[in-house]
Amino acid sequence: MPKAHDRRLRTAAATLVSAVALLLAGCSGDTGNPEDTVVRTVLASDPSSFDPARAQGQQTFQMVSLLYDTLLRRDGPSTLVGGLASQWETVSASEYVFTIRDGATCSDGTPITASVVAASLNHLAAPETASTWKNLVFGQGDPAIAADDASKQVRITLSQPFTTLVQGLAIAQTGIVCPAGLADPDGLAAGRVPGAFSGPYTLSEANAGMGYTFSLREGYDAWPAFSTALVGTPPRSIEIGISTDPSTVANQILAGDVDLGQFSDQDTIARFEGQPDYHRYDVTSATTYVVFNQRPGRVFADRPDLRRAVAAAIDQNAFNTVFSDGTAEVLTTVVPASFACASTDPSLPQPHDAAAAAAVLPGVQIAMLGNTANPSYSGGADYIFQVLSDAGAQVRMNKVDNATFWSTIAEGGSDWDLVFLGDLNSVGSISASLDRVIGPAVEAGGRNYSASANPEGEAALSQGLAATDPAARCAAFEAAQRTLFERSDVVPLAGNPTTYITSPHVVVSTFGEYVDFATLRVIDG
């Protein structure tokens, strides 16, 4: 069920104006004319690609969710609703059937048939696409995706059992790309193919570093039948600016120039306390943990002692104070404790031990990649840089924007040894985080950013993904987690609390911890 929209905040004084005008002047939200509604928001970086199969970073996921419909959609913390699929059936852990809804069309008018859907999913699964999401959706085997237009069915048969396939087909990265987009891969990636889109919006303007405009498709009516009906009217246009300054975005919201902002900085969030006309949505958008580059030739390859020393240098509580003012959950594994099968044993991760770190790290040269997605991530990177430097390591840190961060660590030959990443687990299964550090490397078509060689962990993860019995599944996933700590492959840090604020005339639906941009609606304030 969507979280309630009734947490409101009071309108700020009209004399407060934005410090930087990132977006065009004019009314936002409710203009009085439902045919002319515009919703304006700001994200921290440009998209990495408009091909959903190659999307990297939360900002990209949020943009492509406006452009492409998926077979299924989130309808609650652990429930789904049909998107382009009107029905679906789990025949077994390795066979699934989806019936495509009637009347759905691409942005150029092409009917969305079973063949169109199958072609897009085959693009996601194709080796030449090199999508880091292929294994998240289909598992580590090879999928056979077949269409029958007469029955309107798409059948997916997997070479290895994979019990989370249906959840994977609800994430934005599986958005269905129409034939015009598949025929022009370069244009698709750049967002230059007008007929590529299957979702409610088209990309009508794109200015890198400045902003993007999304226009509602005339006659689009393929909205999901959510268990709780959406309230309000879809905006005719959504304008997205680019800024990494949350204070400026807060100013713009309070001045009425922007309708939606997302914040992790507690001082900025506090500016909206006691303001009942605004809408507030609190979610844990991601979990954070340290990942080591274990490719041959990198400093942490075959050096569990160095990885353990890095873990010993980090005080989780001190990190959490810097990252979230101490408001986030301190983690004992790569997902929150609320996830099924999550290890909650605090004795498994390496405890903080500054002396042990200082005995091992002096003189060790570490190339660290930092993310400037928001002040929390930037400050967290500074904290890790400092404690490693204090332990004697020679750390060289390169800070980049969010899209560059993700595209860099998705390349096998990139120059980095250590990152702390924010893991956006949109599937809602621990397996979708475990395979970030277990299994095939990203350059081999997998999702493992570290390229670690952990055969015991891989076997346990595969057993969990094939298990239909919940107890057996958790036993396998817990065994996979133990291997991570035995090898010091990860350093759990903290959850990533994020607060979304919308203006009095705009609401959005959240499903569990997932905020669905395609549900943005204009209401009467």
Protein backbone atom coordinates (compact mmCIF):
# COMPACT_ATOMS: atom_id res chain seq x y z
CA MET A 1 0.00 0.00 0.00
CA PRO A 2 1.30 3.51 -0.70
CA LYS A 3 2.35 5.45 2.36
CA ALA A 4 -0.09 8.17 3.38
CA HIS A 5 0.30 11.65 1.92
CA ASP A 6 -1.10 13.45 4.94
CA ARG A 7 2.12 14.57 6.64
CA ARG A 8 2.06 18.24 5.75
CA LEU A 9 4.18 21.27 6.39
CA ARG A 10 3.23 25.00 6.46
CA THR A 11 3.86 27.40 3.55
CA ALA A 12 6.94 29.56 4.03
CA ALA A 13 6.93 33.33 3.85
CA ALA A 14 6.58 34.68 0.35
CA THR A 15 9.66 36.84 0.83
CA LEU A 16 11.98 33.80 0.90
CA VAL A 17 13.46 33.35 -2.57
CA SER A 18 15.80 30.75 -4.07
CA ALA A 19 19.52 31.43 -4.03
CA VAL A 20 20.04 30.05 -7.52
CA ALA A 21 17.36 29.88 -10.23
CA LEU A 22 18.10 26.56 -11.88
CA LEU A 23 14.77 26.23 -13.63
CA LEU A 24 12.64 28.46 -15.81
CA ALA A 25 10.48 31.04 -14.08
CA GLY A 26 6.75 30.48 -13.92
CA CYS A 27 4.10 28.72 -11.91
CA SER A 28 4.82 25.20 -10.76
CA GLY A 29 2.43 22.54 -9.55
CA ASP A 30 -1.14 23.78 -9.86
CA THR A 31 -1.43 26.45 -12.55
CA GLY A 32 -5.22 26.44 -12.41
CA ASN A 33 -5.39 24.76 -15.80
CA PRO A 34 -5.10 20.94 -15.71
CA GLU A 35 -3.93 21.00 -19.34
CA ASP A 36 -0.93 23.16 -18.42
CA THR A 37 0.40 21.64 -15.18
CA VAL A 38 4.15 21.56 -14.71
CA VAL A 39 6.01 19.83 -11.89
CA ARG A 40 9.60 20.87 -11.29
CA THR A 41 12.24 18.92 -9.40
CA VAL A 42 16.01 18.80 -9.08
CA LEU A 43 18.37 15.81 -9.16
CA ALA A 44 22.04 15.62 -8.25
CA SER A 45 23.47 14.57 -11.63
CA ASP A 46 22.77 13.98 -15.29
CA PRO A 47 21.59 10.51 -16.33
CA SER A 48 24.27 8.01 -17.31
CA SER A 49 22.16 6.69 -20.21
CA PHE A 50 18.58 6.77 -21.44
CA ASP A 51 18.85 3.08 -22.26
CA PRO A 52 17.32 1.54 -19.11
CA ALA A 53 19.42 -1.61 -19.50
CA ARG A 54 22.56 0.52 -19.16
CA ALA A 55 21.28 2.90 -16.48
CA GLN A 56 23.56 3.61 -13.52
CA GLY A 57 22.68 5.64 -10.43
CA GLN A 58 19.44 6.59 -8.71
CA GLN A 59 18.97 9.80 -10.70
CA THR A 60 19.05 7.80 -13.93
CA PHE A 61 16.57 5.25 -12.58
CA GLN A 62 14.19 8.04 -11.63
CA MET A 63 14.34 9.60 -15.09
CA VAL A 64 13.94 6.37 -17.07
CA SER A 65 10.97 5.37 -14.89
CA LEU A 66 9.09 8.26 -16.52
CA LEU A 67 9.94 7.11 -20.04
CA TYR A 68 9.55 3.33 -20.00
CA ASP A 69 6.87 1.06 -18.58
CA THR A 70 7.85 -2.24 -16.98
CA LEU A 71 6.02 -5.55 -17.05
CA LEU A 72 5.22 -5.26 -13.33
CA ARG A 73 5.17 -2.41 -10.81
CA ARG A 74 5.66 -2.14 -7.07
CA ASP A 75 2.37 -1.92 -5.16
CA GLY A 76 3.67 -2.24 -1.60
CA PRO A 77 6.77 -3.28 0.36
CA SER A 78 6.53 -6.84 -1.01
CA THR A 79 3.60 -6.83 -3.45
CA LEU A 80 3.37 -6.24 -7.20
CA VAL A 81 0.74 -5.03 -9.65
CA GLY A 82 0.57 -5.41 -13.40
CA GLY A 83 2.27 -2.84 -15.61
CA LEU A 84 2.48 -3.87 -19.25
CA ALA A 85 1.57 -7.36 -18.07
CA SER A 86 -2.09 -7.92 -17.24
CA GLN A 87 -1.37 -11.37 -15.78
CA TRP A 88 1.67 -13.40 -14.80
CA GLU A 89 2.32 -16.94 -13.65
CA THR A 90 5.25 -18.56 -11.89
CA VAL A 91 5.26 -22.01 -13.46
CA SER A 92 8.41 -22.96 -11.54
CA ALA A 93 11.56 -21.31 -10.19
CA SER A 94 12.92 -21.39 -13.75
CA GLU A 95 9.81 -20.71 -15.88
CA TYR A 96 7.55 -17.65 -15.94
CA VAL A 97 4.71 -16.54 -18.23
CA PHE A 98 3.46 -12.97 -18.73
CA THR A 99 0.32 -11.91 -20.62
CA ILE A 100 0.66 -8.49 -22.25
CA ARG A 101 -2.16 -6.02 -21.71
CA ASP A 102 -4.34 -4.78 -24.57
CA GLY A 103 -4.07 -1.28 -25.99
CA ALA A 104 -0.58 -0.28 -24.85
CA THR A 105 1.44 1.63 -27.46
CA CYS A 106 4.88 3.10 -27.96
CA SER A 107 5.39 6.85 -28.20
CA ASP A 108 5.37 6.57 -32.03
CA GLY A 109 2.08 4.63 -32.00
CA THR A 110 3.57 1.16 -32.45
CA PRO A 111 1.46 -1.42 -30.56
CA ILE A 112 3.26 -3.01 -27.64
CA THR A 113 2.90 -6.70 -28.41
CA ALA A 114 4.46 -9.77 -26.86
CA SER A 115 7.15 -9.60 -29.56
CA VAL A 116 7.99 -5.98 -28.68
CA VAL A 117 8.34 -6.90 -25.00
CA ALA A 118 10.45 -9.98 -25.74
CA ALA A 119 12.78 -8.00 -28.01
CA SER A 120 13.41 -5.45 -25.25
CA LEU A 121 14.04 -8.12 -22.60
CA ASN A 122 16.39 -9.93 -24.99
CA HIS A 123 18.27 -6.63 -25.38
CA LEU A 124 18.64 -6.48 -21.58
CA ALA A 125 19.91 -10.08 -21.50
CA ALA A 126 22.20 -9.89 -24.55
CA PRO A 127 25.95 -10.21 -23.85
CA GLU A 128 26.70 -7.29 -26.17
CA THR A 129 24.51 -5.00 -24.03
CA ALA A 130 26.77 -5.78 -21.05
CA SER A 131 24.03 -4.73 -18.66
CA THR A 132 24.95 -4.91 -14.99
CA TRP A 133 21.24 -5.63 -14.36
CA LYS A 134 20.99 -8.82 -16.40
CA ASN A 135 21.98 -11.07 -13.50
CA LEU A 136 19.84 -9.11 -11.05
CA VAL A 137 16.77 -9.83 -13.17
CA PHE A 138 17.45 -13.25 -14.72
CA GLY A 139 20.10 -14.76 -12.43
CA GLN A 140 23.50 -16.06 -13.46
CA GLY A 141 22.19 -18.45 -16.11
CA ASP A 142 21.02 -17.74 -19.66
CA PRO A 143 17.37 -16.79 -20.17
CA ALA A 144 15.33 -17.94 -23.17
CA ILE A 145 12.69 -15.29 -23.87
CA ALA A 146 9.99 -16.21 -26.39
CA ALA A 147 6.90 -14.36 -27.60
CA ASP A 148 3.55 -15.62 -28.85
CA ASP A 149 1.58 -12.70 -30.26
CA ALA A 150 -1.53 -14.82 -30.77
CA SER A 151 -1.84 -15.53 -27.05
CA LYS A 152 -0.21 -12.20 -26.11
CA GLN A 153 2.23 -14.12 -23.91
CA VAL A 154 5.94 -13.83 -23.16
CA ARG A 155 7.56 -16.95 -21.71
CA ILE A 156 10.86 -16.70 -19.85
CA THR A 157 12.75 -19.94 -19.27
CA LEU A 158 15.90 -19.80 -17.17
CA SER A 159 18.86 -22.17 -17.35
CA GLN A 160 19.21 -21.84 -13.56
CA PRO A 161 16.40 -21.43 -11.01
CA PHE A 162 15.93 -17.84 -9.90
CA THR A 163 13.09 -17.12 -7.51
CA THR A 164 13.22 -13.29 -7.59
CA LEU A 165 12.60 -12.82 -11.33
CA VAL A 166 9.15 -11.26 -10.95
CA GLN A 167 10.44 -8.68 -8.47
CA GLY A 168 13.27 -7.85 -10.87
CA LEU A 169 10.83 -7.13 -13.69
CA ALA A 170 9.38 -4.26 -11.65
CA ILE A 171 12.58 -2.17 -11.53
CA ALA A 172 13.12 0.77 -13.88
CA GLN A 173 16.16 -0.85 -15.48
CA THR A 174 13.85 -3.44 -17.10
CA GLY A 175 11.75 -0.75 -18.80
CA ILE A 176 10.47 -1.88 -22.19
CA VAL A 177 12.29 -0.16 -25.05
CA CYS A 178 10.25 0.13 -28.25
CA PRO A 179 11.52 -1.05 -31.67
CA ALA A 180 12.62 2.43 -32.78
CA GLY A 181 14.96 2.65 -29.80
CA LEU A 182 16.43 -0.82 -30.27
CA ALA A 183 17.14 0.05 -33.92
CA ASP A 184 19.29 3.04 -32.89
CA PRO A 185 21.40 2.16 -29.83
CA ASP A 186 23.39 5.38 -29.81
CA GLY A 187 20.29 7.52 -30.18
CA LEU A 188 18.58 5.47 -27.46
CA ALA A 189 21.41 6.08 -25.00
CA ALA A 190 21.31 9.81 -25.72
CA GLY A 191 17.51 10.04 -25.52
CA ARG A 192 17.26 11.18 -29.15
CA VAL A 193 14.77 8.55 -30.44
CA PRO A 194 11.23 9.97 -30.12
CA GLY A 195 9.61 6.57 -30.71
CA ALA A 196 11.68 4.64 -28.13
CA PHE A 197 9.40 5.20 -25.16
CA SER A 198 6.75 2.87 -23.74
CA GLY A 199 5.92 4.87 -20.61
CA PRO A 200 3.76 7.87 -19.82
CA TYR A 201 6.30 10.55 -20.76
CA THR A 202 8.62 11.41 -23.63
CA LEU A 203 11.89 13.32 -23.42
CA SER A 204 11.16 16.64 -25.09
CA GLU A 205 14.28 18.56 -24.10
CA ALA A 206 17.72 17.58 -22.79
CA ASN A 207 20.51 19.97 -21.80
CA ALA A 208 23.34 18.17 -20.00
CA GLY A 209 24.33 19.88 -16.78
CA MET A 210 21.27 22.12 -16.91
CA GLY A 211 18.04 20.17 -17.08
CA TYR A 212 15.57 17.86 -18.82
CA THR A 213 11.92 18.20 -19.77
CA PHE A 214 9.50 15.27 -19.90
CA SER A 215 6.12 15.65 -21.63
CA LEU A 216 3.03 13.55 -20.92
CA ARG A 217 2.00 11.47 -23.94
CA GLU A 218 -1.33 12.38 -25.48
CA GLY A 219 -3.85 9.60 -24.88
CA TYR A 220 -1.62 7.53 -22.61
CA ASP A 221 -3.84 5.36 -20.39
CA ALA A 222 -1.71 2.37 -19.35
CA TRP A 223 -1.58 3.38 -15.68
CA PRO A 224 -1.36 0.41 -13.27
CA ALA A 225 -4.40 -0.53 -11.18
CA PHE A 226 -2.74 0.13 -7.82
CA SER A 227 -4.48 -1.31 -4.77
CA THR A 228 -4.88 2.25 -3.51
CA ALA A 229 -5.99 4.57 -6.30
CA LEU A 230 -3.74 7.53 -7.07
CA VAL A 231 -5.15 10.94 -6.22
CA GLY A 232 -4.74 13.93 -8.52
CA THR A 233 -3.80 14.56 -12.13
CA PRO A 234 -0.58 13.56 -13.91
CA PRO A 235 1.42 16.71 -14.70
CA ARG A 236 1.54 17.63 -18.37
CA SER A 237 5.24 18.32 -18.02
CA ILE A 238 7.99 17.40 -15.57
CA GLU A 239 11.09 19.60 -15.58
CA ILE A 240 14.22 18.25 -13.88
CA GLY A 241 17.13 20.55 -13.07
CA ILE A 242 20.63 19.51 -11.95
CA SER A 243 22.13 20.66 -8.64
CA THR A 244 24.20 19.17 -5.82
CA ASP A 245 23.34 21.97 -3.37
CA PRO A 246 20.47 20.87 -1.09
CA SER A 247 20.20 24.27 0.58
CA THR A 248 19.49 25.90 -2.78
CA VAL A 249 16.89 23.24 -3.61
CA ALA A 250 15.20 23.80 -0.23
CA ASN A 251 15.11 27.54 -0.94
CA GLN A 252 13.49 26.88 -4.31
CA ILE A 253 10.82 24.64 -2.79
CA LEU A 254 9.99 27.19 -0.12
CA ALA A 255 9.86 29.94 -2.76
CA GLY A 256 7.49 27.89 -4.95
CA ASP A 257 9.98 27.46 -7.81
CA VAL A 258 10.48 23.70 -7.31
CA ASP A 259 7.87 21.09 -6.34
CA LEU A 260 9.94 18.08 -5.28
CA GLY A 261 13.27 17.72 -3.50
CA GLN A 262 15.10 14.84 -1.88
CA PHE A 263 17.33 15.42 1.12
CA SER A 264 19.65 13.49 3.40
CA ASP A 265 21.12 16.45 5.27
CA GLN A 266 19.34 16.80 8.61
CA ASP A 267 19.87 20.57 8.85
CA THR A 268 18.13 21.05 5.51
CA ILE A 269 15.28 18.70 6.43
CA ALA A 270 14.77 20.61 9.68
CA ARG A 271 13.84 23.71 7.67
CA PHE A 272 10.55 22.01 6.76
CA GLU A 273 9.57 21.02 10.30
CA GLY A 274 6.31 22.58 11.43
CA GLN A 275 5.28 23.47 7.87
CA PRO A 276 1.97 21.58 7.46
CA ASP A 277 1.17 22.50 3.85
CA TYR A 278 4.12 20.61 2.37
CA HIS A 279 4.20 16.81 2.05
CA ARG A 280 6.99 14.72 3.57
CA TYR A 281 8.03 11.13 2.76
CA ASP A 282 10.75 9.43 4.82
CA VAL A 283 12.40 6.34 3.32
CA THR A 284 15.60 4.35 3.69
CA SER A 285 16.71 4.74 0.11
CA ALA A 286 19.89 2.66 0.26
CA THR A 287 22.43 0.94 2.47
CA THR A 288 26.09 1.89 2.53
CA TYR A 289 29.15 -0.34 2.76
CA VAL A 290 32.78 -0.38 1.68
CA VAL A 291 33.72 -2.43 -1.40
CA PHE A 292 37.29 -3.31 -2.41
CA ASN A 293 38.56 -3.65 -5.97
CA GLN A 294 40.09 -7.16 -5.99
CA ARG A 295 41.10 -7.33 -9.66
CA PRO A 296 44.67 -8.53 -10.34
CA GLY A 297 47.19 -5.78 -9.82
CA ARG A 298 45.04 -3.76 -7.38
CA VAL A 299 46.29 -3.29 -3.84
CA PHE A 300 43.49 -5.30 -2.16
CA ALA A 301 43.71 -8.32 -4.49
CA ASP A 302 44.59 -11.44 -2.46
CA ARG A 303 45.16 -9.28 0.62
CA PRO A 304 42.46 -10.03 3.20
CA ASP A 305 44.82 -8.63 5.83
CA LEU A 306 44.70 -5.18 4.19
CA ARG A 307 40.93 -5.37 3.78
CA ARG A 308 40.59 -6.34 7.45
CA ALA A 309 42.80 -3.41 8.45
CA VAL A 310 40.58 -0.98 6.54
CA ALA A 311 37.56 -2.39 8.37
CA ALA A 312 39.38 -1.97 11.68
CA ALA A 313 40.11 1.70 10.91
CA ILE A 314 36.41 2.53 10.47
CA ASP A 315 34.21 3.26 13.48
CA GLN A 316 30.64 2.64 12.29
CA ASN A 317 29.10 4.96 14.88
CA ALA A 318 31.50 7.77 14.02
CA PHE A 319 30.76 7.27 10.32
CA ASN A 320 27.03 7.35 11.05
CA THR A 321 27.40 10.62 12.92
CA VAL A 322 29.06 12.20 9.88
CA PHE A 323 26.77 10.53 7.36
CA SER A 324 23.36 11.03 8.98
CA ASP A 325 23.87 12.91 12.27
CA GLY A 326 23.46 9.51 13.90
CA THR A 327 19.90 8.99 12.61
CA ALA A 328 20.56 5.99 10.33
CA GLU A 329 20.51 2.31 11.19
CA VAL A 330 24.00 0.93 11.87
CA LEU A 331 24.31 -2.19 9.71
CA THR A 332 25.51 -5.69 10.51
CA THR A 333 25.43 -6.76 6.85
CA VAL A 334 24.78 -5.30 3.40
CA VAL A 335 21.03 -4.78 3.93
CA PRO A 336 18.89 -3.46 6.80
CA ALA A 337 17.99 -5.85 9.59
CA SER A 338 14.36 -5.76 8.39
CA PHE A 339 15.23 -7.71 5.21
CA ALA A 340 14.45 -11.41 5.19
CA CYS A 341 17.57 -13.53 5.77
CA ALA A 342 19.70 -10.58 6.91
CA SER A 343 22.50 -11.49 9.32
CA THR A 344 22.04 -9.64 12.60
CA ASP A 345 25.10 -11.11 14.35
CA PRO A 346 27.26 -8.11 15.37
CA SER A 347 30.25 -10.37 16.01
CA LEU A 348 30.73 -11.21 12.32
CA PRO A 349 31.99 -7.84 10.98
CA GLN A 350 35.50 -6.73 11.96
CA PRO A 351 35.23 -4.45 15.03
CA HIS A 352 36.80 -1.01 15.17
CA ASP A 353 40.44 -1.26 16.25
CA ALA A 354 42.53 1.79 15.35
CA ALA A 355 45.73 0.24 16.69
CA ALA A 356 45.29 -2.88 14.55
CA ALA A 357 44.75 -0.71 11.48
CA ALA A 358 47.82 1.40 12.24
CA ALA A 359 49.94 -1.75 12.48
CA VAL A 360 49.12 -2.78 8.90
CA LEU A 361 48.24 0.26 6.75
CA PRO A 362 51.28 2.61 6.93
CA GLY A 363 52.61 3.26 3.44
CA VAL A 364 49.81 1.37 1.66
CA GLN A 365 48.76 3.35 -1.43
CA ILE A 366 44.98 3.43 -1.93
CA ALA A 367 43.05 5.05 -4.80
CA MET A 368 39.65 5.96 -3.38
CA LEU A 369 36.62 7.04 -5.43
CA GLY A 370 34.16 9.37 -3.69
CA ASN A 371 30.57 10.27 -4.61
CA THR A 372 29.26 13.85 -4.47
CA ALA A 373 25.60 12.81 -4.85
CA ASN A 374 24.80 14.77 -1.68
CA PRO A 375 26.61 16.17 1.40
CA SER A 376 26.12 12.89 3.30
CA TYR A 377 28.00 10.87 0.70
CA SER A 378 30.67 13.51 0.29
CA GLY A 379 31.12 13.77 4.06
CA GLY A 380 31.18 10.00 4.46
CA ALA A 381 33.94 9.74 1.88
CA ASP A 382 35.90 12.43 3.73
CA TYR A 383 35.56 10.45 6.97
CA ILE A 384 36.90 7.22 5.43
CA PHE A 385 39.71 9.14 3.73
CA GLN A 386 40.70 10.68 7.07
CA VAL A 387 40.68 7.50 9.20
CA LEU A 388 42.71 5.61 6.60
CA SER A 389 45.17 8.49 6.39
CA ASP A 390 45.37 8.62 10.19
CA ALA A 391 46.24 4.90 10.13
CA GLY A 392 49.19 5.68 7.86
CA ALA A 393 47.77 4.77 4.44
CA GLN A 394 48.62 7.02 1.48
CA VAL A 395 45.14 7.72 0.12
CA ARG A 396 44.44 9.48 -3.16
CA MET A 397 40.76 10.39 -3.41
CA ASN A 398 38.90 11.40 -6.56
CA LYS A 399 35.39 12.75 -5.99
CA VAL A 400 32.92 12.56 -8.89
CA ASP A 401 29.19 13.07 -9.47
CA ASN A 402 26.76 10.22 -8.90
CA ALA A 403 26.39 9.08 -12.51
CA THR A 404 30.17 9.12 -13.07
CA PHE A 405 30.72 7.23 -9.82
CA TRP A 406 28.50 4.33 -10.89
CA SER A 407 29.66 4.20 -14.49
CA THR A 408 33.29 4.20 -13.28
CA ILE A 409 32.98 1.26 -10.89
CA ALA A 410 30.96 -0.61 -13.55
CA GLU A 411 34.08 -0.64 -15.77
CA GLY A 412 36.53 -3.43 -14.99
CA GLY A 413 39.68 -1.44 -15.78
CA SER A 414 38.89 1.75 -13.86
CA ASP A 415 41.42 3.26 -11.48
CA TRP A 416 40.03 2.69 -7.99
CA ASP A 417 40.86 0.49 -5.01
CA LEU A 418 38.14 1.34 -2.52
CA VAL A 419 34.68 2.90 -2.52
CA PHE A 420 31.82 3.14 -0.13
CA LEU A 421 28.69 2.81 -2.17
CA GLY A 422 25.01 3.45 -1.59
CA ASP A 423 23.23 0.24 -2.55
CA LEU A 424 19.74 0.98 -3.83
CA ASN A 425 18.08 -2.42 -3.47
CA SER A 426 14.93 -1.80 -5.51
CA VAL A 427 14.13 -5.52 -5.74
CA GLY A 428 13.73 -5.86 -1.96
CA SER A 429 15.66 -9.15 -1.69
CA ILE A 430 19.03 -9.62 0.02
CA SER A 431 20.25 -11.50 -3.05
CA ALA A 432 20.17 -8.22 -4.97
CA SER A 433 22.82 -6.84 -2.60
CA LEU A 434 24.84 -10.02 -2.14
CA ASP A 435 25.54 -10.26 -5.86
CA ARG A 436 27.14 -6.81 -5.76
CA VAL A 437 30.09 -8.48 -4.03
CA ILE A 438 29.66 -12.18 -4.87
CA GLY A 439 29.63 -13.83 -8.28
CA PRO A 440 30.64 -12.71 -11.78
CA ALA A 441 32.31 -9.31 -12.11
CA VAL A 442 30.51 -6.45 -13.83
CA GLU A 443 32.82 -6.62 -16.85
CA ALA A 444 31.87 -10.30 -17.22
CA GLY A 445 28.16 -9.49 -17.30
CA GLY A 446 27.62 -9.90 -13.57
CA ARG A 447 26.95 -7.36 -10.81
CA ASN A 448 30.00 -7.90 -8.62
CA TYR A 449 31.81 -4.55 -8.47
CA SER A 450 34.72 -6.01 -6.50
CA ALA A 451 35.48 -8.87 -8.94
CA SER A 452 36.23 -11.00 -5.86
CA ALA A 453 36.78 -14.75 -6.26
CA ASN A 454 34.62 -16.35 -3.57
CA PRO A 455 33.52 -19.82 -4.74
CA GLU A 456 32.02 -20.74 -1.36
CA GLY A 457 29.93 -17.58 -1.34
CA GLU A 458 28.87 -18.10 -4.94
CA ALA A 459 27.68 -21.64 -4.17
CA ALA A 460 25.68 -20.45 -1.16
CA LEU A 461 24.12 -17.58 -3.12
CA SER A 462 23.12 -19.93 -5.95
CA GLN A 463 21.57 -22.35 -3.46
CA GLY A 464 19.50 -19.57 -1.95
CA LEU A 465 18.28 -18.35 -5.34
CA ALA A 466 17.14 -21.87 -6.26
CA ALA A 467 15.43 -22.64 -2.94
CA THR A 468 11.65 -22.46 -2.83
CA ASP A 469 11.54 -23.20 0.91
CA PRO A 470 12.01 -19.94 2.89
CA ALA A 471 14.04 -21.58 5.66
CA ALA A 472 16.42 -23.23 3.21
CA ARG A 473 16.73 -19.97 1.28
CA CYS A 474 17.70 -18.02 4.42
CA ALA A 475 20.17 -20.67 5.53
CA ALA A 476 21.96 -20.37 2.20
CA PHE A 477 21.92 -16.56 2.17
CA GLU A 478 23.22 -16.45 5.74
CA ALA A 479 26.08 -18.77 4.73
CA ALA A 480 26.89 -16.41 1.84
CA GLN A 481 27.04 -13.48 4.26
CA ARG A 482 29.43 -15.31 6.57
CA THR A 483 31.88 -15.76 3.71
CA LEU A 484 31.93 -12.00 3.14
CA PHE A 485 33.09 -11.37 6.70
CA GLU A 486 35.48 -14.30 6.81
CA ARG A 487 37.18 -12.83 3.74
CA SER A 488 36.72 -9.16 4.81
CA ASP A 489 35.16 -8.43 1.41
CA VAL A 490 32.83 -5.70 2.71
CA VAL A 491 32.61 -3.24 5.58
CA PRO A 492 28.96 -2.57 6.56
CA LEU A 493 28.33 1.08 7.43
CA ALA A 494 24.82 2.54 7.78
CA GLY A 495 21.47 2.94 6.13
CA ASN A 496 20.81 5.97 3.94
CA PRO A 497 17.73 7.83 5.22
CA THR A 498 16.26 10.13 2.61
CA THR A 499 13.42 12.61 2.98
CA TYR A 500 11.36 13.68 -0.01
CA ILE A 501 9.51 16.99 0.23
CA THR A 502 6.79 18.04 -2.21
CA SER A 503 4.97 21.35 -2.55
CA PRO A 504 1.37 21.72 -1.33
CA HIS A 505 -0.06 20.97 -4.81
CA VAL A 506 2.08 17.90 -5.60
CA VAL A 507 2.08 14.36 -4.18
CA VAL A 508 3.96 11.17 -5.01
CA SER A 509 3.42 7.56 -3.96
CA THR A 510 5.90 5.46 -2.03
CA PHE A 511 5.81 1.67 -1.93
CA GLY A 512 7.81 0.43 1.02
CA GLU A 513 11.08 2.33 0.65
CA TYR A 514 10.59 2.99 -3.08
CA VAL A 515 9.47 6.41 -4.35
CA ASP A 516 7.79 6.07 -7.76
CA PHE A 517 8.33 9.22 -9.86
CA ALA A 518 5.75 8.07 -12.41
CA THR A 519 3.08 8.53 -9.70
CA LEU A 520 3.72 12.27 -9.34
CA ARG A 521 0.31 13.95 -9.27
CA VAL A 522 -1.02 17.51 -9.04
CA ILE A 523 -3.77 18.00 -6.46
CA ASP A 524 -5.81 20.86 -5.05
CA GLY A 525 -3.79 22.35 -2.23
